[in-house]
Amino acid sequence: MFDDEGYRKLAVHVLARAVKDYRRRVPVDQTYDSTGSLTTHTLHTAKEFLSNPTNDRLLLWCAWLDVDPSRVRRMVLKGML
C-alpha cells in the first residue's frame, strides 16, 4: 500500500513557504546572500506560484491536500493565510 502522508506534509510545507515568501515583499533591488534568505527571485517565484489558480505546481500541491487552488489564492490575496 502506498503511504502518501509524507507527500501531504510536503504539500503543506510548500504552500506555507510560498505564502511566507509572498508576504515578505522585499523591494525589487534588495537581495540577500546564499544563506537561505529571501531574494527577489524567491519573491517573484512565490507571486507567480500563488497568483494563478491554474498554475501546474499549485494544482499539484493543492491536489495532495484536496483543497481548491482558487480558494488558496483568494485567501492569500486577502491576507487570510
PDB file of N, CA and C in Angstrom:
ATOM      1  N   MET A   1       0.839  -1.181   0.000  1.00  0.00           N
ATOM      2  CA  MET A   1       0.000   0.000   0.000  1.00  0.00           C
ATOM      3  C   MET A   1       0.885   1.246   0.000  1.00  0.00           C
ATOM      4  N   PHE A   2       0.484   2.242  -0.748  1.00  0.00           N
ATOM      5  CA  PHE A   2       1.220   3.494  -0.870  1.00  0.00           C
ATOM      6  C   PHE A   2       0.909   4.408   0.314  1.00  0.00           C
ATOM      7  N   ASP A   3       1.953   4.858   1.006  1.00  0.00           N
ATOM      8  CA  ASP A   3       1.780   5.771   2.133  1.00  0.00           C
ATOM      9  C   ASP A   3       2.024   7.189   1.628  1.00  0.00           C
ATOM     10  N   ASP A   4       0.957   7.964   1.527  1.00  0.00           N
ATOM     11  CA  ASP A   4       1.087   9.308   0.956  1.00  0.00           C
ATOM     12  C   ASP A   4       1.171  10.410   2.004  1.00  0.00           C
ATOM     13  N   GLU A   5       1.276  10.055   3.274  1.00  0.00           N
ATOM     14  CA  GLU A   5       1.339  11.059   4.344  1.00  0.00           C
ATOM     15  C   GLU A   5       2.539  12.000   4.166  1.00  0.00           C
ATOM     16  N   GLY A   6       3.655  11.476   3.718  1.00  0.00           N
ATOM     17  CA  GLY A   6       4.842  12.300   3.501  1.00  0.00           C
ATOM     18  C   GLY A   6       4.613  13.367   2.440  1.00  0.00           C
ATOM     19  N   TYR A   7       3.913  13.010   1.386  1.00  0.00           N
ATOM     20  CA  TYR A   7       3.622  13.988   0.333  1.00  0.00           C
ATOM     21  C   TYR A   7       2.630  15.049   0.812  1.00  0.00           C
ATOM     22  N   ARG A   8       1.693  14.650   1.651  1.00  0.00           N
ATOM     23  CA  ARG A   8       0.764  15.645   2.210  1.00  0.00           C
ATOM     24  C   ARG A   8       1.504  16.630   3.109  1.00  0.00           C
ATOM     25  N   LYS A   9       2.412  16.133   3.905  1.00  0.00           N
ATOM     26  CA  LYS A   9       3.216  17.015   4.764  1.00  0.00           C
ATOM     27  C   LYS A   9       4.073  17.946   3.910  1.00  0.00           C
ATOM     28  N   LEU A  10       4.649  17.408   2.861  1.00  0.00           N
ATOM     29  CA  LEU A  10       5.459  18.222   1.954  1.00  0.00           C
ATOM     30  C   LEU A  10       4.604  19.298   1.297  1.00  0.00           C
ATOM     31  N   ALA A  11       3.394  18.953   0.889  1.00  0.00           N
ATOM     32  CA  ALA A  11       2.494  19.923   0.260  1.00  0.00           C
ATOM     33  C   ALA A  11       2.172  21.068   1.214  1.00  0.00           C
ATOM     34  N   VAL A  12       1.928  20.767   2.471  1.00  0.00           N
ATOM     35  CA  VAL A  12       1.662  21.809   3.466  1.00  0.00           C
ATOM     36  C   VAL A  12       2.859  22.743   3.559  1.00  0.00           C
ATOM     37  N   HIS A  13       4.049  22.186   3.604  1.00  0.00           N
ATOM     38  CA  HIS A  13       5.261  22.995   3.718  1.00  0.00           C
ATOM     39  C   HIS A  13       5.517  23.832   2.466  1.00  0.00           C
ATOM     40  N   VAL A  14       5.260  23.265   1.298  1.00  0.00           N
ATOM     41  CA  VAL A  14       5.443  24.014   0.046  1.00  0.00           C
ATOM     42  C   VAL A  14       4.510  25.222   0.019  1.00  0.00           C
ATOM     43  N   LEU A  15       3.248  25.010   0.327  1.00  0.00           N
ATOM     44  CA  LEU A  15       2.291  26.113   0.317  1.00  0.00           C
ATOM     45  C   LEU A  15       2.610  27.140   1.400  1.00  0.00           C
ATOM     46  N   ALA A  16       2.967  26.669   2.573  1.00  0.00           N
ATOM     47  CA  ALA A  16       3.294  27.594   3.672  1.00  0.00           C
ATOM     48  C   ALA A  16       4.515  28.444   3.332  1.00  0.00           C
ATOM     49  N   ARG A  17       5.521  27.840   2.723  1.00  0.00           N
ATOM     50  CA  ARG A  17       6.727  28.587   2.363  1.00  0.00           C
ATOM     51  C   ARG A  17       6.421  29.615   1.277  1.00  0.00           C
ATOM     52  N   ALA A  18       5.597  29.254   0.324  1.00  0.00           N
ATOM     53  CA  ALA A  18       5.224  30.203  -0.735  1.00  0.00           C
ATOM     54  C   ALA A  18       4.489  31.403  -0.138  1.00  0.00           C
ATOM     55  N   VAL A  19       3.585  31.142   0.795  1.00  0.00           N
ATOM     56  CA  VAL A  19       2.853  32.238   1.443  1.00  0.00           C
ATOM     57  C   VAL A  19       3.820  33.114   2.233  1.00  0.00           C
ATOM     58  N   LYS A  20       4.724  32.501   2.964  1.00  0.00           N
ATOM     59  CA  LYS A  20       5.707  33.251   3.755  1.00  0.00           C
ATOM     60  C   LYS A  20       6.573  34.123   2.850  1.00  0.00           C
ATOM     61  N   ASP A  21       7.052  33.573   1.754  1.00  0.00           N
ATOM     62  CA  ASP A  21       7.871  34.335   0.807  1.00  0.00           C
ATOM     63  C   ASP A  21       7.066  35.454   0.156  1.00  0.00           C
ATOM     64  N   TYR A  22       5.833  35.180  -0.170  1.00  0.00           N
ATOM     65  CA  TYR A  22       4.955  36.179  -0.792  1.00  0.00           C
ATOM     66  C   TYR A  22       4.726  37.359   0.154  1.00  0.00           C
ATOM     67  N   ARG A  23       4.590  37.081   1.425  1.00  0.00           N
ATOM     68  CA  ARG A  23       4.299  38.114   2.420  1.00  0.00           C
ATOM     69  C   ARG A  23       5.487  39.015   2.731  1.00  0.00           C
ATOM     70  N   ARG A  24       6.687  38.573   2.476  1.00  0.00           N
ATOM     71  CA  ARG A  24       7.875  39.364   2.836  1.00  0.00           C
ATOM     72  C   ARG A  24       7.969  40.645   2.033  1.00  0.00           C
ATOM     73  N   ARG A  25       7.622  40.594   0.781  1.00  0.00           N
ATOM     74  CA  ARG A  25       7.556  41.777  -0.086  1.00  0.00           C
ATOM     75  C   ARG A  25       8.768  42.698   0.002  1.00  0.00           C
ATOM     76  N   VAL A  26       9.930  42.151  -0.294  1.00  0.00           N
ATOM     77  CA  VAL A  26      11.134  42.985  -0.299  1.00  0.00           C
ATOM     78  C   VAL A  26      11.156  43.855  -1.535  1.00  0.00           C
ATOM     79  N   PRO A  27      11.810  45.006  -1.477  1.00  0.00           N
ATOM     80  CA  PRO A  27      11.959  45.826  -2.680  1.00  0.00           C
ATOM     81  C   PRO A  27      12.689  45.055  -3.776  1.00  0.00           C
ATOM     82  N   VAL A  28      12.430  45.426  -5.008  1.00  0.00           N
ATOM     83  CA  VAL A  28      12.978  44.705  -6.151  1.00  0.00           C
ATOM     84  C   VAL A  28      14.502  44.658  -6.123  1.00  0.00           C
ATOM     85  N   ASP A  29      15.152  45.717  -5.667  1.00  0.00           N
ATOM     86  CA  ASP A  29      16.612  45.757  -5.700  1.00  0.00           C
ATOM     87  C   ASP A  29      17.266  45.146  -4.457  1.00  0.00           C
ATOM     88  N   GLN A  30      16.478  44.664  -3.521  1.00  0.00           N
ATOM     89  CA  GLN A  30      17.035  44.106  -2.296  1.00  0.00           C
ATOM     90  C   GLN A  30      17.177  42.600  -2.423  1.00  0.00           C
ATOM     91  N   THR A  31      18.372  42.093  -2.203  1.00  0.00           N
ATOM     92  CA  THR A  31      18.613  40.655  -2.219  1.00  0.00           C
ATOM     93  C   THR A  31      19.478  40.292  -1.020  1.00  0.00           C
ATOM     94  N   TYR A  32      19.533  39.029  -0.720  1.00  0.00           N
ATOM     95  CA  TYR A  32      20.344  38.541   0.382  1.00  0.00           C
ATOM     96  C   TYR A  32      21.305  37.499  -0.149  1.00  0.00           C
ATOM     97  N   ASP A  33      22.245  37.112   0.685  1.00  0.00           N
ATOM     98  CA  ASP A  33      23.238  36.137   0.242  1.00  0.00           C
ATOM     99  C   ASP A  33      22.673  34.724   0.218  1.00  0.00           C
ATOM    100  N   SER A  34      23.547  33.758   0.007  1.00  0.00           N
ATOM    101  CA  SER A  34      23.111  32.377  -0.182  1.00  0.00           C
ATOM    102  C   SER A  34      22.881  31.631   1.123  1.00  0.00           C
ATOM    103  N   THR A  35      22.579  32.313   2.193  1.00  0.00           N
ATOM    104  CA  THR A  35      22.331  31.653   3.475  1.00  0.00           C
ATOM    105  C   THR A  35      20.896  31.160   3.600  1.00  0.00           C
ATOM    106  N   GLY A  36      20.140  31.261   2.535  1.00  0.00           N
ATOM    107  CA  GLY A  36      18.752  30.838   2.587  1.00  0.00           C
ATOM    108  C   GLY A  36      17.802  31.998   2.769  1.00  0.00           C
ATOM    109  N   SER A  37      18.331  33.185   2.829  1.00  0.00           N
ATOM    110  CA  SER A  37      17.483  34.360   2.978  1.00  0.00           C
ATOM    111  C   SER A  37      16.787  34.680   1.668  1.00  0.00           C
ATOM    112  N   LEU A  38      15.778  35.483   1.765  1.00  0.00           N
ATOM    113  CA  LEU A  38      14.945  35.815   0.614  1.00  0.00           C
ATOM    114  C   LEU A  38      15.715  36.586  -0.447  1.00  0.00           C
ATOM    115  N   THR A  39      15.474  36.257  -1.681  1.00  0.00           N
ATOM    116  CA  THR A  39      15.984  37.012  -2.817  1.00  0.00           C
ATOM    117  C   THR A  39      14.793  37.496  -3.621  1.00  0.00           C
ATOM    118  N   THR A  40      15.030  38.418  -4.522  1.00  0.00           N
ATOM    119  CA  THR A  40      13.926  38.890  -5.363  1.00  0.00           C
ATOM    120  C   THR A  40      13.386  37.758  -6.228  1.00  0.00           C
ATOM    121  N   HIS A  41      14.245  36.825  -6.594  1.00  0.00           N
ATOM    122  CA  HIS A  41      13.796  35.673  -7.383  1.00  0.00           C
ATOM    123  C   HIS A  41      12.784  34.847  -6.583  1.00  0.00           C
ATOM    124  N   THR A  42      13.069  34.656  -5.300  1.00  0.00           N
ATOM    125  CA  THR A  42      12.165  33.894  -4.444  1.00  0.00           C
ATOM    126  C   THR A  42      10.815  34.581  -4.347  1.00  0.00           C
ATOM    127  N   LEU A  43      10.828  35.888  -4.172  1.00  0.00           N
ATOM    128  CA  LEU A  43       9.576  36.641  -4.102  1.00  0.00           C
ATOM    129  C   LEU A  43       8.805  36.528  -5.412  1.00  0.00           C
ATOM    130  N   HIS A  44       9.505  36.687  -6.526  1.00  0.00           N
ATOM    131  CA  HIS A  44       8.863  36.582  -7.843  1.00  0.00           C
ATOM    132  C   HIS A  44       8.255  35.194  -8.033  1.00  0.00           C
ATOM    133  N   THR A  45       8.994  34.176  -7.649  1.00  0.00           N
ATOM    134  CA  THR A  45       8.521  32.802  -7.800  1.00  0.00           C
ATOM    135  C   THR A  45       7.275  32.555  -6.947  1.00  0.00           C
ATOM    136  N   ALA A  46       7.280  33.058  -5.720  1.00  0.00           N
ATOM    137  CA  ALA A  46       6.115  32.886  -4.840  1.00  0.00           C
ATOM    138  C   ALA A  46       4.898  33.597  -5.415  1.00  0.00           C
ATOM    139  N   LYS A  47       5.097  34.800  -5.931  1.00  0.00           N
ATOM    140  CA  LYS A  47       3.974  35.536  -6.536  1.00  0.00           C
ATOM    141  C   LYS A  47       3.424  34.784  -7.740  1.00  0.00           C
ATOM    142  N   GLU A  48       4.324  34.289  -8.577  1.00  0.00           N
ATOM    143  CA  GLU A  48       3.914  33.544  -9.769  1.00  0.00           C
ATOM    144  C   GLU A  48       3.152  32.278  -9.379  1.00  0.00           C
ATOM    145  N   PHE A  49       3.644  31.605  -8.367  1.00  0.00           N
ATOM    146  CA  PHE A  49       3.046  30.359  -7.880  1.00  0.00           C
ATOM    147  C   PHE A  49       1.642  30.590  -7.329  1.00  0.00           C
ATOM    148  N   LEU A  50       1.457  31.636  -6.537  1.00  0.00           N
ATOM    149  CA  LEU A  50       0.193  31.866  -5.844  1.00  0.00           C
ATOM    150  C   LEU A  50      -0.812  32.719  -6.610  1.00  0.00           C
ATOM    151  N   SER A  51      -0.369  33.420  -7.638  1.00  0.00           N
ATOM    152  CA  SER A  51      -1.266  34.358  -8.315  1.00  0.00           C
ATOM    153  C   SER A  51      -2.148  33.721  -9.369  1.00  0.00           C
ATOM    154  N   ASN A  52      -1.836  32.525  -9.796  1.00  0.00           N
ATOM    155  CA  ASN A  52      -2.586  31.882 -10.864  1.00  0.00           C
ATOM    156  C   ASN A  52      -3.155  30.550 -10.372  1.00  0.00           C
ATOM    157  N   PRO A  53      -4.481  30.459 -10.208  1.00  0.00           N
ATOM    158  CA  PRO A  53      -5.064  29.217  -9.704  1.00  0.00           C
ATOM    159  C   PRO A  53      -4.958  28.044 -10.675  1.00  0.00           C
ATOM    160  N   THR A  54      -4.492  28.296 -11.899  1.00  0.00           N
ATOM    161  CA  THR A  54      -4.290  27.197 -12.842  1.00  0.00           C
ATOM    162  C   THR A  54      -2.812  26.854 -13.004  1.00  0.00           C
ATOM    163  N   ASN A  55      -1.957  27.410 -12.148  1.00  0.00           N
ATOM    164  CA  ASN A  55      -0.537  27.085 -12.163  1.00  0.00           C
ATOM    165  C   ASN A  55      -0.376  25.590 -11.886  1.00  0.00           C
ATOM    166  N   ASP A  56       0.357  24.904 -12.750  1.00  0.00           N
ATOM    167  CA  ASP A  56       0.508  23.451 -12.620  1.00  0.00           C
ATOM    168  C   ASP A  56       1.061  23.041 -11.257  1.00  0.00           C
ATOM    169  N   ARG A  57       2.028  23.781 -10.755  1.00  0.00           N
ATOM    170  CA  ARG A  57       2.624  23.439  -9.457  1.00  0.00           C
ATOM    171  C   ARG A  57       1.618  23.650  -8.324  1.00  0.00           C
ATOM    172  N   LEU A  58       0.873  24.746  -8.385  1.00  0.00           N
ATOM    173  CA  LEU A  58      -0.143  24.997  -7.365  1.00  0.00           C
ATOM    174  C   LEU A  58      -1.222  23.915  -7.414  1.00  0.00           C
ATOM    175  N   LEU A  59      -1.630  23.536  -8.611  1.00  0.00           N
ATOM    176  CA  LEU A  59      -2.620  22.466  -8.764  1.00  0.00           C
ATOM    177  C   LEU A  59      -2.120  21.158  -8.158  1.00  0.00           C
ATOM    178  N   LEU A  60      -0.865  20.840  -8.387  1.00  0.00           N
ATOM    179  CA  LEU A  60      -0.279  19.603  -7.866  1.00  0.00           C
ATOM    180  C   LEU A  60      -0.325  19.559  -6.343  1.00  0.00           C
ATOM    181  N   TRP A  61       0.201  20.602  -5.692  1.00  0.00           N
ATOM    182  CA  TRP A  61       0.274  20.592  -4.232  1.00  0.00           C
ATOM    183  C   TRP A  61      -1.101  20.708  -3.598  1.00  0.00           C
ATOM    184  N   CYS A  62      -1.991  21.454  -4.206  1.00  0.00           N
ATOM    185  CA  CYS A  62      -3.354  21.547  -3.679  1.00  0.00           C
ATOM    186  C   CYS A  62      -4.083  20.212  -3.821  1.00  0.00           C
ATOM    187  N   ALA A  63      -3.801  19.484  -4.884  1.00  0.00           N
ATOM    188  CA  ALA A  63      -4.427  18.176  -5.075  1.00  0.00           C
ATOM    189  C   ALA A  63      -4.030  17.207  -3.957  1.00  0.00           C
ATOM    190  N   TRP A  64      -2.781  17.267  -3.520  1.00  0.00           N
ATOM    191  CA  TRP A  64      -2.344  16.399  -2.425  1.00  0.00           C
ATOM    192  C   TRP A  64      -3.118  16.685  -1.149  1.00  0.00           C
ATOM    193  N   LEU A  65      -3.553  17.939  -0.985  1.00  0.00           N
ATOM    194  CA  LEU A  65      -4.276  18.331   0.220  1.00  0.00           C
ATOM    195  C   LEU A  65      -5.785  18.377   0.019  1.00  0.00           C
ATOM    196  N   ASP A  66      -6.206  18.122  -1.212  1.00  0.00           N
ATOM    197  CA  ASP A  66      -7.618  18.170  -1.567  1.00  0.00           C
ATOM    198  C   ASP A  66      -8.230  19.534  -1.234  1.00  0.00           C
ATOM    199  N   VAL A  67      -7.519  20.600  -1.642  1.00  0.00           N
ATOM    200  CA  VAL A  67      -8.019  21.965  -1.464  1.00  0.00           C
ATOM    201  C   VAL A  67      -8.113  22.651  -2.821  1.00  0.00           C
ATOM    202  N   ASP A  68      -8.985  23.604  -2.918  1.00  0.00           N
ATOM    203  CA  ASP A  68      -9.215  24.343  -4.153  1.00  0.00           C
ATOM    204  C   ASP A  68      -8.136  25.418  -4.318  1.00  0.00           C
ATOM    205  N   PRO A  69      -7.353  25.376  -5.406  1.00  0.00           N
ATOM    206  CA  PRO A  69      -6.310  26.379  -5.630  1.00  0.00           C
ATOM    207  C   PRO A  69      -6.852  27.807  -5.687  1.00  0.00           C
ATOM    208  N   SER A  70      -8.055  27.984  -6.208  1.00  0.00           N
ATOM    209  CA  SER A  70      -8.656  29.318  -6.258  1.00  0.00           C
ATOM    210  C   SER A  70      -8.916  29.848  -4.854  1.00  0.00           C
ATOM    211  N   ARG A  71      -9.311  28.968  -3.974  1.00  0.00           N
ATOM    212  CA  ARG A  71      -9.550  29.380  -2.588  1.00  0.00           C
ATOM    213  C   ARG A  71      -8.239  29.755  -1.903  1.00  0.00           C
ATOM    214  N   VAL A  72      -7.207  28.982  -2.133  1.00  0.00           N
ATOM    215  CA  VAL A  72      -5.886  29.307  -1.573  1.00  0.00           C
ATOM    216  C   VAL A  72      -5.458  30.677  -2.060  1.00  0.00           C
ATOM    217  N   ARG A  73      -5.589  30.915  -3.344  1.00  0.00           N
ATOM    218  CA  ARG A  73      -5.195  32.196  -3.936  1.00  0.00           C
ATOM    219  C   ARG A  73      -5.982  33.347  -3.316  1.00  0.00           C
ATOM    220  N   ARG A  74      -7.298  33.199  -3.223  1.00  0.00           N
ATOM    221  CA  ARG A  74      -8.138  34.258  -2.630  1.00  0.00           C
ATOM    222  C   ARG A  74      -7.745  34.538  -1.186  1.00  0.00           C
ATOM    223  N   MET A  75      -7.487  33.485  -0.432  1.00  0.00           N
ATOM    224  CA  MET A  75      -7.124  33.662   0.968  1.00  0.00           C
ATOM    225  C   MET A  75      -5.772  34.370   1.112  1.00  0.00           C
ATOM    226  N   VAL A  76      -4.844  34.042   0.252  1.00  0.00           N
ATOM    227  CA  VAL A  76      -3.541  34.701   0.288  1.00  0.00           C
ATOM    228  C   VAL A  76      -3.691  36.174  -0.048  1.00  0.00           C
ATOM    229  N   LEU A  77      -4.412  36.481  -1.102  1.00  0.00           N
ATOM    230  CA  LEU A  77      -4.581  37.862  -1.525  1.00  0.00           C
ATOM    231  C   LEU A  77      -5.335  38.704  -0.499  1.00  0.00           C
ATOM    232  N   LYS A  78      -6.235  38.076   0.246  1.00  0.00           N
ATOM    233  CA  LYS A  78      -6.994  38.797   1.275  1.00  0.00           C
ATOM    234  C   LYS A  78      -6.248  38.819   2.622  1.00  0.00           C
ATOM    235  N   GLY A  79      -5.086  38.177   2.674  1.00  0.00           N
ATOM    236  CA  GLY A  79      -4.312  38.157   3.911  1.00  0.00           C
ATOM    237  C   GLY A  79      -4.818  37.175   4.951  1.00  0.00           C
ATOM    238  N   MET A  80      -5.585  36.198   4.514  1.00  0.00           N
ATOM    239  CA  MET A  80      -6.151  35.232   5.454  1.00  0.00           C
ATOM    240  C   MET A  80      -5.217  34.053   5.709  1.00  0.00           C
ATOM    241  N   LEU A  81      -4.205  33.896   4.913  1.00  0.00           N
ATOM    242  CA  LEU A  81      -3.219  32.822   5.125  1.00  0.00           C
ATOM    243  C   LEU A  81      -1.892  33.420   5.463  1.00  0.00           C
TER     244      LEU A  81
END
